[in-house]
């Protein structure tokens, strides 16, 4: 067994620091091809498809984590001198931002076209969906009925005054949600919805997990999170007293965003980087990504985890990456204006 194989099988990782960014070395042998991945996925050091690729292809990988905006700024400022080969974001709007800045390399790959549905990839192959995330209403199963709040706008009903919990407005998930609403509903309607939310004096918390725990602890009755955070809680405690409400089923459907992947235009290893994108989007690896984190795969035939599947199928609001991307700055400004900070 090679030294590389020993490192991967034993799941030994090392840390390296460049500036403010911490990198997880997934595999290292000192002699093979090397790829550097900039990723906004928070559990990147634990995601097995990267280790599997390194073992299968004999390629060393280093993953640098950061927020989508931090990673964009780094790629943009480093330009042709960047060490990044791949960019992974947790929302489509920031992929669009990198696309518009000319930071991404178009790919021509029949395998990628098979792996990722047309609606979940950039037409010229500049980025590809990896997983899907539903951002929806959460309710206490002990105090809130299934039909008590069924729309995003319903979080502004005065009955929830003082009983709503929201994650900080600085969250990329929330900014992308608001940008998507602006693109689809217009600024006036979106602002009215957010003002009503703020009129209910919501408790602002630091994470989606904090929101879910506050609902479970009776600090609030309803909230707004990505569904996979609830999947994590239910995996640890099947009796966790919170359930999702698939919002706006009588309208466009529940807001869904994508975690996506792209090859950096300045990469000096574009062929190896393309192979990694093909590997990560293959159905087998999509299943690992989705099921390990309770997300939804971009492929249509990959099942959700039991923790999420128990709540049934739902209509999804079609993803509009370019529409949301074009309104990111408008969303931040509006959220500041209404006091969602």
C-alpha atoms as a PDB file:
ATOM      1  CA  UNK A   1       0.000   0.000   0.000  1.00  0.00           C
ATOM      2  CA  UNK A   2       1.398   3.390  -0.971  1.00  0.00           C
ATOM      3  CA  UNK A   3       2.076   6.206   1.448  1.00  0.00           C
ATOM      4  CA  UNK A   4      -0.692   8.191  -0.264  1.00  0.00           C
ATOM      5  CA  UNK A   5      -3.175   5.383   0.258  1.00  0.00           C
ATOM      6  CA  UNK A   6      -2.219   5.057   3.903  1.00  0.00           C
ATOM      7  CA  UNK A   7      -2.923   8.737   4.480  1.00  0.00           C
ATOM      8  CA  UNK A   8      -6.326   8.589   2.812  1.00  0.00           C
ATOM      9  CA  UNK A   9      -7.496   5.379   4.423  1.00  0.00           C
ATOM     10  CA  UNK A  10      -6.506   6.646   7.840  1.00  0.00           C
ATOM     11  CA  UNK A  11      -8.359   9.909   7.087  1.00  0.00           C
ATOM     12  CA  UNK A  12      -5.431  11.961   8.352  1.00  0.00           C
ATOM     13  CA  UNK A  13      -5.664  15.644   7.409  1.00  0.00           C
ATOM     14  CA  UNK A  14      -3.273  18.499   7.967  1.00  0.00           C
ATOM     15  CA  UNK A  15      -3.928  22.212   8.241  1.00  0.00           C
ATOM     16  CA  UNK A  16      -2.178  24.933   6.344  1.00  0.00           C
ATOM     17  CA  UNK A  17      -2.781  28.647   6.703  1.00  0.00           C
ATOM     18  CA  UNK A  18      -2.530  31.217   3.922  1.00  0.00           C
ATOM     19  CA  UNK A  19      -3.494  34.703   5.033  1.00  0.00           C
ATOM     20  CA  UNK A  20      -6.813  34.429   6.856  1.00  0.00           C
ATOM     21  CA  UNK A  21      -7.731  31.168   5.137  1.00  0.00           C
ATOM     22  CA  UNK A  22      -7.328  27.743   6.686  1.00  0.00           C
ATOM     23  CA  UNK A  23      -6.764  24.859   4.304  1.00  0.00           C
ATOM     24  CA  UNK A  24      -7.502  21.195   4.906  1.00  0.00           C
ATOM     25  CA  UNK A  25      -5.001  18.948   3.147  1.00  0.00           C
ATOM     26  CA  UNK A  26      -7.103  15.982   2.086  1.00  0.00           C
ATOM     27  CA  UNK A  27      -4.238  13.997   0.591  1.00  0.00           C
ATOM     28  CA  UNK A  28      -0.552  14.624   0.238  1.00  0.00           C
ATOM     29  CA  UNK A  29       2.301  12.582  -1.137  1.00  0.00           C
ATOM     30  CA  UNK A  30       4.807  15.201  -2.177  1.00  0.00           C
ATOM     31  CA  UNK A  31       4.944  14.006  -5.739  1.00  0.00           C
ATOM     32  CA  UNK A  32       1.578  13.892  -7.472  1.00  0.00           C
ATOM     33  CA  UNK A  33      -0.671  16.338  -9.272  1.00  0.00           C
ATOM     34  CA  UNK A  34      -2.113  18.968  -6.949  1.00  0.00           C
ATOM     35  CA  UNK A  35      -5.432  20.825  -6.931  1.00  0.00           C
ATOM     36  CA  UNK A  36      -6.603  23.607  -4.645  1.00  0.00           C
ATOM     37  CA  UNK A  37     -10.316  24.013  -3.957  1.00  0.00           C
ATOM     38  CA  UNK A  38     -11.857  27.197  -2.555  1.00  0.00           C
ATOM     39  CA  UNK A  39     -15.093  26.091  -0.897  1.00  0.00           C
ATOM     40  CA  UNK A  40     -17.847  27.806   1.064  1.00  0.00           C
ATOM     41  CA  UNK A  41     -19.313  24.501   2.239  1.00  0.00           C
ATOM     42  CA  UNK A  42     -18.930  24.580   6.008  1.00  0.00           C
ATOM     43  CA  UNK A  43     -18.157  20.864   6.518  1.00  0.00           C
ATOM     44  CA  UNK A  44     -15.663  20.630   3.688  1.00  0.00           C
ATOM     45  CA  UNK A  45     -13.025  18.911   5.837  1.00  0.00           C
ATOM     46  CA  UNK A  46     -15.388  16.002   6.481  1.00  0.00           C
ATOM     47  CA  UNK A  47     -16.794  15.435   2.996  1.00  0.00           C
ATOM     48  CA  UNK A  48     -15.674  12.055   1.707  1.00  0.00           C
ATOM     49  CA  UNK A  49     -15.946  12.608  -2.076  1.00  0.00           C
ATOM     50  CA  UNK A  50     -12.765  14.690  -1.968  1.00  0.00           C
ATOM     51  CA  UNK A  51     -10.822  11.925  -0.261  1.00  0.00           C
ATOM     52  CA  UNK A  52     -12.303   9.397  -2.654  1.00  0.00           C
ATOM     53  CA  UNK A  53     -11.193  11.436  -5.670  1.00  0.00           C
ATOM     54  CA  UNK A  54      -7.682  11.812  -4.287  1.00  0.00           C
ATOM     55  CA  UNK A  55      -7.443   8.061  -3.758  1.00  0.00           C
ATOM     56  CA  UNK A  56      -8.951   7.186  -7.124  1.00  0.00           C
ATOM     57  CA  UNK A  57      -7.046   9.700  -9.257  1.00  0.00           C
ATOM     58  CA  UNK A  58      -3.770   9.991  -7.351  1.00  0.00           C
ATOM     59  CA  UNK A  59      -4.230  13.736  -7.040  1.00  0.00           C
ATOM     60  CA  UNK A  60      -3.361  15.756  -3.943  1.00  0.00           C
ATOM     61  CA  UNK A  61      -6.101  18.124  -2.780  1.00  0.00           C
ATOM     62  CA  UNK A  62      -6.070  21.137  -0.492  1.00  0.00           C
ATOM     63  CA  UNK A  63      -9.417  22.687   0.458  1.00  0.00           C
ATOM     64  CA  UNK A  64      -9.557  26.300   1.633  1.00  0.00           C
ATOM     65  CA  UNK A  65     -12.740  27.346   3.406  1.00  0.00           C
ATOM     66  CA  UNK A  66     -14.414  30.748   3.652  1.00  0.00           C
ATOM     67  CA  UNK A  67     -17.674  32.518   2.943  1.00  0.00           C
ATOM     68  CA  UNK A  68     -18.724  32.819  -0.678  1.00  0.00           C
ATOM     69  CA  UNK A  69     -18.070  36.560  -0.638  1.00  0.00           C
ATOM     70  CA  UNK A  70     -14.609  36.084   0.932  1.00  0.00           C
ATOM     71  CA  UNK A  71     -13.647  33.496  -1.645  1.00  0.00           C
ATOM     72  CA  UNK A  72     -14.882  35.666  -4.504  1.00  0.00           C
ATOM     73  CA  UNK A  73     -12.892  38.641  -3.256  1.00  0.00           C
ATOM     74  CA  UNK A  74      -9.810  36.463  -2.945  1.00  0.00           C
ATOM     75  CA  UNK A  75     -10.114  35.087  -6.476  1.00  0.00           C
ATOM     76  CA  UNK A  76     -10.859  38.520  -7.865  1.00  0.00           C
ATOM     77  CA  UNK A  77      -7.909  40.173  -6.135  1.00  0.00           C
ATOM     78  CA  UNK A  78      -5.409  37.404  -6.901  1.00  0.00           C
ATOM     79  CA  UNK A  79      -6.323  37.270 -10.583  1.00  0.00           C
ATOM     80  CA  UNK A  80      -3.914  35.189 -12.669  1.00  0.00           C
ATOM     81  CA  UNK A  81      -1.735  34.621  -9.586  1.00  0.00           C
ATOM     82  CA  UNK A  82      -4.368  32.662  -7.665  1.00  0.00           C
ATOM     83  CA  UNK A  83      -3.590  29.175  -6.476  1.00  0.00           C
ATOM     84  CA  UNK A  84      -7.274  28.250  -6.684  1.00  0.00           C
ATOM     85  CA  UNK A  85      -8.335  25.623  -9.218  1.00  0.00           C
ATOM     86  CA  UNK A  86     -11.983  25.107  -8.201  1.00  0.00           C
ATOM     87  CA  UNK A  87     -14.614  27.312  -6.582  1.00  0.00           C
ATOM     88  CA  UNK A  88     -17.520  25.815  -4.636  1.00  0.00           C
ATOM     89  CA  UNK A  89     -20.238  28.101  -3.297  1.00  0.00           C
ATOM     90  CA  UNK A  90     -23.334  27.480  -1.199  1.00  0.00           C
ATOM     91  CA  UNK A  91     -25.587  29.608  -3.381  1.00  0.00           C
ATOM     92  CA  UNK A  92     -26.042  30.225  -7.072  1.00  0.00           C
ATOM     93  CA  UNK A  93     -25.946  34.013  -6.839  1.00  0.00           C
ATOM     94  CA  UNK A  94     -22.271  34.028  -5.882  1.00  0.00           C
ATOM     95  CA  UNK A  95     -21.460  31.670  -8.740  1.00  0.00           C
ATOM     96  CA  UNK A  96     -23.130  34.188 -11.049  1.00  0.00           C
ATOM     97  CA  UNK A  97     -21.033  36.933  -9.473  1.00  0.00           C
ATOM     98  CA  UNK A  98     -17.831  35.031 -10.262  1.00  0.00           C
ATOM     99  CA  UNK A  99     -19.117  34.308 -13.753  1.00  0.00           C
ATOM    100  CA  UNK A 100     -19.825  37.988 -14.393  1.00  0.00           C
ATOM    101  CA  UNK A 101     -16.341  38.910 -13.163  1.00  0.00           C
ATOM    102  CA  UNK A 102     -14.785  36.571 -15.726  1.00  0.00           C
ATOM    103  CA  UNK A 103     -13.254  34.286 -13.095  1.00  0.00           C
ATOM    104  CA  UNK A 104     -14.645  30.970 -14.333  1.00  0.00           C
ATOM    105  CA  UNK A 105     -13.579  28.622 -17.113  1.00  0.00           C
ATOM    106  CA  UNK A 106     -16.281  27.259 -19.457  1.00  0.00           C
ATOM    107  CA  UNK A 107     -16.243  23.470 -19.650  1.00  0.00           C
ATOM    108  CA  UNK A 108     -17.319  21.244 -22.516  1.00  0.00           C
ATOM    109  CA  UNK A 109     -18.114  17.863 -21.018  1.00  0.00           C
ATOM    110  CA  UNK A 110     -20.706  15.318 -22.080  1.00  0.00           C
ATOM    111  CA  UNK A 111     -20.313  13.690 -18.661  1.00  0.00           C
ATOM    112  CA  UNK A 112     -21.204  16.919 -16.866  1.00  0.00           C
ATOM    113  CA  UNK A 113     -24.178  17.414 -19.166  1.00  0.00           C
ATOM    114  CA  UNK A 114     -25.398  13.953 -18.149  1.00  0.00           C
ATOM    115  CA  UNK A 115     -24.703  14.478 -14.457  1.00  0.00           C
ATOM    116  CA  UNK A 116     -26.390  17.866 -14.015  1.00  0.00           C
ATOM    117  CA  UNK A 117     -29.814  18.842 -15.417  1.00  0.00           C
ATOM    118  CA  UNK A 118     -29.787  21.717 -17.884  1.00  0.00           C
ATOM    119  CA  UNK A 119     -31.708  24.013 -15.528  1.00  0.00           C
ATOM    120  CA  UNK A 120     -29.012  23.580 -12.861  1.00  0.00           C
ATOM    121  CA  UNK A 121     -25.929  24.444 -14.917  1.00  0.00           C
ATOM    122  CA  UNK A 122     -24.674  27.530 -16.680  1.00  0.00           C
ATOM    123  CA  UNK A 123     -25.433  27.298 -20.424  1.00  0.00           C
ATOM    124  CA  UNK A 124     -21.768  27.695 -21.442  1.00  0.00           C
ATOM    125  CA  UNK A 125     -20.551  25.312 -18.751  1.00  0.00           C
ATOM    126  CA  UNK A 126     -19.091  27.927 -16.414  1.00  0.00           C
ATOM    127  CA  UNK A 127     -20.653  26.334 -13.324  1.00  0.00           C
ATOM    128  CA  UNK A 128     -22.639  23.245 -12.327  1.00  0.00           C
ATOM    129  CA  UNK A 129     -25.050  22.478  -9.502  1.00  0.00           C
ATOM    130  CA  UNK A 130     -23.736  20.104  -6.858  1.00  0.00           C
ATOM    131  CA  UNK A 131     -26.590  19.908  -4.335  1.00  0.00           C
ATOM    132  CA  UNK A 132     -29.865  21.737  -3.666  1.00  0.00           C
ATOM    133  CA  UNK A 133     -31.007  23.413  -0.443  1.00  0.00           C
ATOM    134  CA  UNK A 134     -34.563  24.346   0.509  1.00  0.00           C
ATOM    135  CA  UNK A 135     -34.886  27.489   2.670  1.00  0.00           C
ATOM    136  CA  UNK A 136     -38.273  27.446   4.285  1.00  0.00           C
ATOM    137  CA  UNK A 137     -40.418  28.045   7.366  1.00  0.00           C
ATOM    138  CA  UNK A 138     -39.857  25.994  10.508  1.00  0.00           C
ATOM    139  CA  UNK A 139     -42.525  25.496  13.182  1.00  0.00           C
ATOM    140  CA  UNK A 140     -42.839  24.076  16.648  1.00  0.00           C
ATOM    141  CA  UNK A 141     -44.698  20.780  16.437  1.00  0.00           C
ATOM    142  CA  UNK A 142     -45.953  21.398  19.980  1.00  0.00           C
ATOM    143  CA  UNK A 143     -47.403  24.904  19.566  1.00  0.00           C
ATOM    144  CA  UNK A 144     -47.974  25.544  15.866  1.00  0.00           C
ATOM    145  CA  UNK A 145     -50.322  23.637  13.589  1.00  0.00           C
ATOM    146  CA  UNK A 146     -49.375  22.445  10.117  1.00  0.00           C
ATOM    147  CA  UNK A 147     -51.583  25.057   8.456  1.00  0.00           C
ATOM    148  CA  UNK A 148     -50.987  27.985  10.827  1.00  0.00           C
ATOM    149  CA  UNK A 149     -48.343  29.578   8.593  1.00  0.00           C
ATOM    150  CA  UNK A 150     -47.926  28.401   5.013  1.00  0.00           C
ATOM    151  CA  UNK A 151     -46.286  31.302   3.174  1.00  0.00           C
ATOM    152  CA  UNK A 152     -43.142  33.361   3.588  1.00  0.00           C
ATOM    153  CA  UNK A 153     -45.293  36.458   3.849  1.00  0.00           C
ATOM    154  CA  UNK A 154     -47.155  34.744   6.699  1.00  0.00           C
ATOM    155  CA  UNK A 155     -44.163  35.238   8.998  1.00  0.00           C
ATOM    156  CA  UNK A 156     -45.318  38.857   9.086  1.00  0.00           C
ATOM    157  CA  UNK A 157     -48.716  37.994  10.554  1.00  0.00           C
ATOM    158  CA  UNK A 158     -49.122  39.882  13.868  1.00  0.00           C
ATOM    159  CA  UNK A 159     -49.984  36.598  15.614  1.00  0.00           C
ATOM    160  CA  UNK A 160     -46.264  35.815  15.564  1.00  0.00           C
ATOM    161  CA  UNK A 161     -45.158  39.085  17.115  1.00  0.00           C
ATOM    162  CA  UNK A 162     -42.278  38.340  19.476  1.00  0.00           C
ATOM    163  CA  UNK A 163     -42.358  34.647  18.489  1.00  0.00           C
ATOM    164  CA  UNK A 164     -40.314  34.663  15.278  1.00  0.00           C
ATOM    165  CA  UNK A 165     -36.639  33.711  15.153  1.00  0.00           C
ATOM    166  CA  UNK A 166     -34.440  34.604  12.191  1.00  0.00           C
ATOM    167  CA  UNK A 167     -30.792  34.160  11.361  1.00  0.00           C
ATOM    168  CA  UNK A 168     -28.771  37.347  10.958  1.00  0.00           C
ATOM    169  CA  UNK A 169     -29.375  39.344   7.817  1.00  0.00           C
ATOM    170  CA  UNK A 170     -25.687  39.013   7.003  1.00  0.00           C
ATOM    171  CA  UNK A 171     -26.178  35.313   6.253  1.00  0.00           C
ATOM    172  CA  UNK A 172     -25.486  34.537   2.588  1.00  0.00           C
ATOM    173  CA  UNK A 173     -28.526  32.262   2.583  1.00  0.00           C
ATOM    174  CA  UNK A 174     -30.779  35.138   3.626  1.00  0.00           C
ATOM    175  CA  UNK A 175     -29.195  37.619   1.232  1.00  0.00           C
ATOM    176  CA  UNK A 176     -29.669  35.209  -1.668  1.00  0.00           C
ATOM    177  CA  UNK A 177     -33.274  34.567  -0.631  1.00  0.00           C
ATOM    178  CA  UNK A 178     -34.061  38.285  -0.602  1.00  0.00           C
ATOM    179  CA  UNK A 179     -32.234  38.826  -3.906  1.00  0.00           C
ATOM    180  CA  UNK A 180     -34.329  36.055  -5.446  1.00  0.00           C
ATOM    181  CA  UNK A 181     -37.550  37.641  -4.132  1.00  0.00           C
ATOM    182  CA  UNK A 182     -36.560  41.011  -5.576  1.00  0.00           C
ATOM    183  CA  UNK A 183     -35.887  39.393  -8.953  1.00  0.00           C
ATOM    184  CA  UNK A 184     -39.260  37.634  -8.990  1.00  0.00           C
ATOM    185  CA  UNK A 185     -41.597  39.868  -6.956  1.00  0.00           C
ATOM    186  CA  UNK A 186     -40.013  43.288  -7.377  1.00  0.00           C
ATOM    187  CA  UNK A 187     -38.552  45.649  -4.797  1.00  0.00           C
ATOM    188  CA  UNK A 188     -41.838  47.061  -3.455  1.00  0.00           C
ATOM    189  CA  UNK A 189     -43.458  43.723  -2.647  1.00  0.00           C
ATOM    190  CA  UNK A 190     -40.271  42.293  -1.201  1.00  0.00           C
ATOM    191  CA  UNK A 191     -39.734  45.345   1.001  1.00  0.00           C
ATOM    192  CA  UNK A 192     -43.313  45.149   2.319  1.00  0.00           C
ATOM    193  CA  UNK A 193     -42.806  41.505   3.257  1.00  0.00           C
ATOM    194  CA  UNK A 194     -39.534  42.212   5.088  1.00  0.00           C
ATOM    195  CA  UNK A 195     -40.992  45.237   6.887  1.00  0.00           C
ATOM    196  CA  UNK A 196     -43.816  43.082   8.201  1.00  0.00           C
ATOM    197  CA  UNK A 197     -41.301  40.501   9.380  1.00  0.00           C
ATOM    198  CA  UNK A 198     -39.412  43.219  11.242  1.00  0.00           C
ATOM    199  CA  UNK A 199     -42.658  44.621  12.679  1.00  0.00           C
ATOM    200  CA  UNK A 200     -42.997  41.290  14.487  1.00  0.00           C
ATOM    201  CA  UNK A 201     -39.862  42.087  16.501  1.00  0.00           C
ATOM    202  CA  UNK A 202     -38.022  38.886  15.545  1.00  0.00           C
ATOM    203  CA  UNK A 203     -35.218  37.452  17.627  1.00  0.00           C
ATOM    204  CA  UNK A 204     -32.069  37.581  15.497  1.00  0.00           C
ATOM    205  CA  UNK A 205     -29.680  34.679  16.022  1.00  0.00           C
ATOM    206  CA  UNK A 206     -26.283  33.666  14.706  1.00  0.00           C
ATOM    207  CA  UNK A 207     -27.066  30.456  12.820  1.00  0.00           C
ATOM    208  CA  UNK A 208     -29.827  28.263  11.442  1.00  0.00           C
ATOM    209  CA  UNK A 209     -29.061  25.767  14.196  1.00  0.00           C
ATOM    210  CA  UNK A 210     -29.638  28.493  16.801  1.00  0.00           C
ATOM    211  CA  UNK A 211     -33.029  29.228  15.225  1.00  0.00           C
ATOM    212  CA  UNK A 212     -34.086  25.577  15.364  1.00  0.00           C
ATOM    213  CA  UNK A 213     -32.969  25.159  18.963  1.00  0.00           C
ATOM    214  CA  UNK A 214     -34.809  28.349  19.957  1.00  0.00           C
ATOM    215  CA  UNK A 215     -38.017  26.924  18.497  1.00  0.00           C
ATOM    216  CA  UNK A 216     -37.462  23.636  20.314  1.00  0.00           C
ATOM    217  CA  UNK A 217     -36.771  25.486  23.586  1.00  0.00           C
ATOM    218  CA  UNK A 218     -39.972  27.601  23.362  1.00  0.00           C
ATOM    219  CA  UNK A 219     -38.047  30.846  22.798  1.00  0.00           C
ATOM    220  CA  UNK A 220     -40.032  31.291  19.581  1.00  0.00           C
ATOM    221  CA  UNK A 221     -42.707  29.437  17.656  1.00  0.00           C
ATOM    222  CA  UNK A 222     -41.657  29.824  14.030  1.00  0.00           C
ATOM    223  CA  UNK A 223     -38.469  30.488  12.123  1.00  0.00           C
ATOM    224  CA  UNK A 224     -36.767  30.355   8.762  1.00  0.00           C
ATOM    225  CA  UNK A 225     -33.851  28.014   7.948  1.00  0.00           C
ATOM    226  CA  UNK A 226     -32.402  25.614   5.414  1.00  0.00           C
ATOM    227  CA  UNK A 227     -34.056  22.233   5.781  1.00  0.00           C
ATOM    228  CA  UNK A 228     -30.796  20.300   6.038  1.00  0.00           C
ATOM    229  CA  UNK A 229     -30.083  21.875   9.430  1.00  0.00           C
ATOM    230  CA  UNK A 230     -33.281  20.268  10.677  1.00  0.00           C
ATOM    231  CA  UNK A 231     -32.164  16.972   9.149  1.00  0.00           C
ATOM    232  CA  UNK A 232     -29.026  17.109  11.284  1.00  0.00           C
ATOM    233  CA  UNK A 233     -31.049  17.725  14.451  1.00  0.00           C
ATOM    234  CA  UNK A 234     -33.464  14.894  13.680  1.00  0.00           C
ATOM    235  CA  UNK A 235     -30.589  12.527  12.975  1.00  0.00           C
ATOM    236  CA  UNK A 236     -29.333  13.149  16.524  1.00  0.00           C
ATOM    237  CA  UNK A 237     -32.802  13.246  18.116  1.00  0.00           C
ATOM    238  CA  UNK A 238     -35.760  11.825  16.143  1.00  0.00           C
ATOM    239  CA  UNK A 239     -38.123  13.484  18.649  1.00  0.00           C
ATOM    240  CA  UNK A 240     -36.729  16.988  18.063  1.00  0.00           C
ATOM    241  CA  UNK A 241     -39.973  19.049  18.194  1.00  0.00           C
ATOM    242  CA  UNK A 242     -39.595  21.070  14.988  1.00  0.00           C
ATOM    243  CA  UNK A 243     -40.944  20.434  11.488  1.00  0.00           C
ATOM    244  CA  UNK A 244     -40.641  22.252   8.174  1.00  0.00           C
ATOM    245  CA  UNK A 245     -43.477  23.983   6.412  1.00  0.00           C
ATOM    246  CA  UNK A 246     -42.915  23.767   2.679  1.00  0.00           C
ATOM    247  CA  UNK A 247     -43.766  27.388   1.988  1.00  0.00           C
ATOM    248  CA  UNK A 248     -45.817  28.899  -0.839  1.00  0.00           C
ATOM    249  CA  UNK A 249     -47.164  25.629  -2.202  1.00  0.00           C
ATOM    250  CA  UNK A 250     -50.165  27.511  -3.602  1.00  0.00           C
ATOM    251  CA  UNK A 251     -47.804  29.963  -5.290  1.00  0.00           C
ATOM    252  CA  UNK A 252     -44.448  29.474  -6.997  1.00  0.00           C
ATOM    253  CA  UNK A 253     -43.244  26.990  -4.398  1.00  0.00           C
ATOM    254  CA  UNK A 254     -40.562  26.748  -1.740  1.00  0.00           C
ATOM    255  CA  UNK A 255     -37.332  28.696  -2.269  1.00  0.00           C
ATOM    256  CA  UNK A 256     -34.512  26.397  -3.363  1.00  0.00           C
ATOM    257  CA  UNK A 257     -30.894  27.392  -3.882  1.00  0.00           C
ATOM    258  CA  UNK A 258     -27.927  25.412  -5.100  1.00  0.00           C
ATOM    259  CA  UNK A 259     -24.451  24.643  -3.943  1.00  0.00           C
ATOM    260  CA  UNK A 260     -22.397  24.677  -7.111  1.00  0.00           C
ATOM    261  CA  UNK A 261     -18.918  24.088  -8.455  1.00  0.00           C
ATOM    262  CA  UNK A 262     -16.794  25.746 -11.130  1.00  0.00           C
ATOM    263  CA  UNK A 263     -13.266  25.646 -12.496  1.00  0.00           C
ATOM    264  CA  UNK A 264     -11.271  28.820 -11.931  1.00  0.00           C
ATOM    265  CA  UNK A 265     -10.250  30.415 -15.226  1.00  0.00           C
ATOM    266  CA  UNK A 266      -6.707  31.075 -13.984  1.00  0.00           C
ATOM    267  CA  UNK A 267      -6.136  27.447 -12.978  1.00  0.00           C
ATOM    268  CA  UNK A 268      -2.966  25.991 -14.455  1.00  0.00           C
ATOM    269  CA  UNK A 269      -4.466  22.475 -14.117  1.00  0.00           C
ATOM    270  CA  UNK A 270      -7.758  22.825 -16.021  1.00  0.00           C
ATOM    271  CA  UNK A 271      -7.938  19.208 -17.174  1.00  0.00           C
ATOM    272  CA  UNK A 272      -7.434  17.819 -13.667  1.00  0.00           C
ATOM    273  CA  UNK A 273      -9.893  20.387 -12.307  1.00  0.00           C
ATOM    274  CA  UNK A 274     -12.520  19.360 -14.877  1.00  0.00           C
ATOM    275  CA  UNK A 275     -12.076  15.720 -13.881  1.00  0.00           C
ATOM    276  CA  UNK A 276     -12.707  16.670 -10.253  1.00  0.00           C
ATOM    277  CA  UNK A 277     -15.926  18.501 -11.216  1.00  0.00           C
ATOM    278  CA  UNK A 278     -17.050  15.450 -13.199  1.00  0.00           C
ATOM    279  CA  UNK A 279     -16.262  13.208 -10.250  1.00  0.00           C
ATOM    280  CA  UNK A 280     -18.059  15.373  -7.678  1.00  0.00           C
ATOM    281  CA  UNK A 281     -21.224  15.669  -9.785  1.00  0.00           C
ATOM    282  CA  UNK A 282     -21.436  11.944 -10.594  1.00  0.00           C
ATOM    283  CA  UNK A 283     -24.600  10.354  -9.149  1.00  0.00           C
ATOM    284  CA  UNK A 284     -22.664   8.265  -6.621  1.00  0.00           C
ATOM    285  CA  UNK A 285     -20.915  11.301  -5.169  1.00  0.00           C
ATOM    286  CA  UNK A 286     -24.039  13.473  -5.335  1.00  0.00           C
ATOM    287  CA  UNK A 287     -25.682  10.866  -3.137  1.00  0.00           C
ATOM    288  CA  UNK A 288     -22.837  11.072  -0.621  1.00  0.00           C
ATOM    289  CA  UNK A 289     -22.932  14.885  -0.517  1.00  0.00           C
ATOM    290  CA  UNK A 290     -26.708  15.009  -0.218  1.00  0.00           C
ATOM    291  CA  UNK A 291     -27.252  12.215   2.266  1.00  0.00           C
ATOM    292  CA  UNK A 292     -24.343  13.079   4.543  1.00  0.00           C
ATOM    293  CA  UNK A 293     -25.705  16.609   4.944  1.00  0.00           C
ATOM    294  CA  UNK A 294     -29.456  16.057   4.364  1.00  0.00           C
ATOM    295  CA  UNK A 295     -29.439  18.153   1.195  1.00  0.00           C
ATOM    296  CA  UNK A 296     -31.155  17.348  -2.106  1.00  0.00           C
ATOM    297  CA  UNK A 297     -29.160  15.975  -5.029  1.00  0.00           C
ATOM    298  CA  UNK A 298     -29.319  17.748  -8.376  1.00  0.00           C
ATOM    299  CA  UNK A 299     -29.936  14.398 -10.059  1.00  0.00           C
ATOM    300  CA  UNK A 300     -33.638  13.465 -10.134  1.00  0.00           C
ATOM    301  CA  UNK A 301     -33.390   9.854  -8.970  1.00  0.00           C
ATOM    302  CA  UNK A 302     -31.412  10.276  -5.748  1.00  0.00           C
ATOM    303  CA  UNK A 303     -33.549   9.994  -2.628  1.00  0.00           C
ATOM    304  CA  UNK A 304     -33.551  12.371   0.319  1.00  0.00           C
ATOM    305  CA  UNK A 305     -32.539  11.152   3.759  1.00  0.00           C
ATOM    306  CA  UNK A 306     -35.327   9.594   5.859  1.00  0.00           C
ATOM    307  CA  UNK A 307     -35.169  12.579   8.244  1.00  0.00           C
ATOM    308  CA  UNK A 308     -36.241  14.931   5.433  1.00  0.00           C
ATOM    309  CA  UNK A 309     -38.218  12.515   3.225  1.00  0.00           C
ATOM    310  CA  UNK A 310     -40.742  11.966   6.029  1.00  0.00           C
ATOM    311  CA  UNK A 311     -42.115  15.462   5.388  1.00  0.00           C
ATOM    312  CA  UNK A 312     -43.092  14.653   1.833  1.00  0.00           C
ATOM    313  CA  UNK A 313     -42.395  16.049  -1.598  1.00  0.00           C
ATOM    314  CA  UNK A 314     -42.952  19.723  -2.336  1.00  0.00           C
ATOM    315  CA  UNK A 315     -43.171  22.151  -5.222  1.00  0.00           C
ATOM    316  CA  UNK A 316     -39.950  24.083  -5.734  1.00  0.00           C
ATOM    317  CA  UNK A 317     -39.733  27.689  -6.785  1.00  0.00           C
ATOM    318  CA  UNK A 318     -37.645  27.546 -10.002  1.00  0.00           C
ATOM    319  CA  UNK A 319     -34.064  28.672  -9.461  1.00  0.00           C
ATOM    320  CA  UNK A 320     -33.108  31.937 -11.183  1.00  0.00           C
ATOM    321  CA  UNK A 321     -29.360  32.232 -10.642  1.00  0.00           C
ATOM    322  CA  UNK A 322     -28.796  35.287 -12.819  1.00  0.00           C
ATOM    323  CA  UNK A 323     -31.843  37.106 -11.454  1.00  0.00           C
ATOM    324  CA  UNK A 324     -30.757  36.649  -7.842  1.00  0.00           C
ATOM    325  CA  UNK A 325     -27.136  37.396  -8.660  1.00  0.00           C
ATOM    326  CA  UNK A 326     -28.013  40.718 -10.246  1.00  0.00           C
ATOM    327  CA  UNK A 327     -29.832  41.807  -7.076  1.00  0.00           C
ATOM    328  CA  UNK A 328     -27.344  40.822  -4.364  1.00  0.00           C
ATOM    329  CA  UNK A 329     -26.384  44.430  -3.609  1.00  0.00           C
ATOM    330  CA  UNK A 330     -30.046  45.511  -3.709  1.00  0.00           C
ATOM    331  CA  UNK A 331     -30.852  42.772  -1.196  1.00  0.00           C
ATOM    332  CA  UNK A 332     -28.139  43.860   1.245  1.00  0.00           C
ATOM    333  CA  UNK A 333     -29.242  47.470   1.009  1.00  0.00           C
ATOM    334  CA  UNK A 334     -32.913  46.599   1.541  1.00  0.00           C
ATOM    335  CA  UNK A 335     -32.177  44.346   4.507  1.00  0.00           C
ATOM    336  CA  UNK A 336     -30.166  47.140   6.123  1.00  0.00           C
ATOM    337  CA  UNK A 337     -32.970  49.612   5.450  1.00  0.00           C
ATOM    338  CA  UNK A 338     -35.613  47.484   7.203  1.00  0.00           C
ATOM    339  CA  UNK A 339     -33.339  46.673  10.143  1.00  0.00           C
ATOM    340  CA  UNK A 340     -32.600  43.026   9.416  1.00  0.00           C
ATOM    341  CA  UNK A 341     -28.982  42.958  10.504  1.00  0.00           C
END
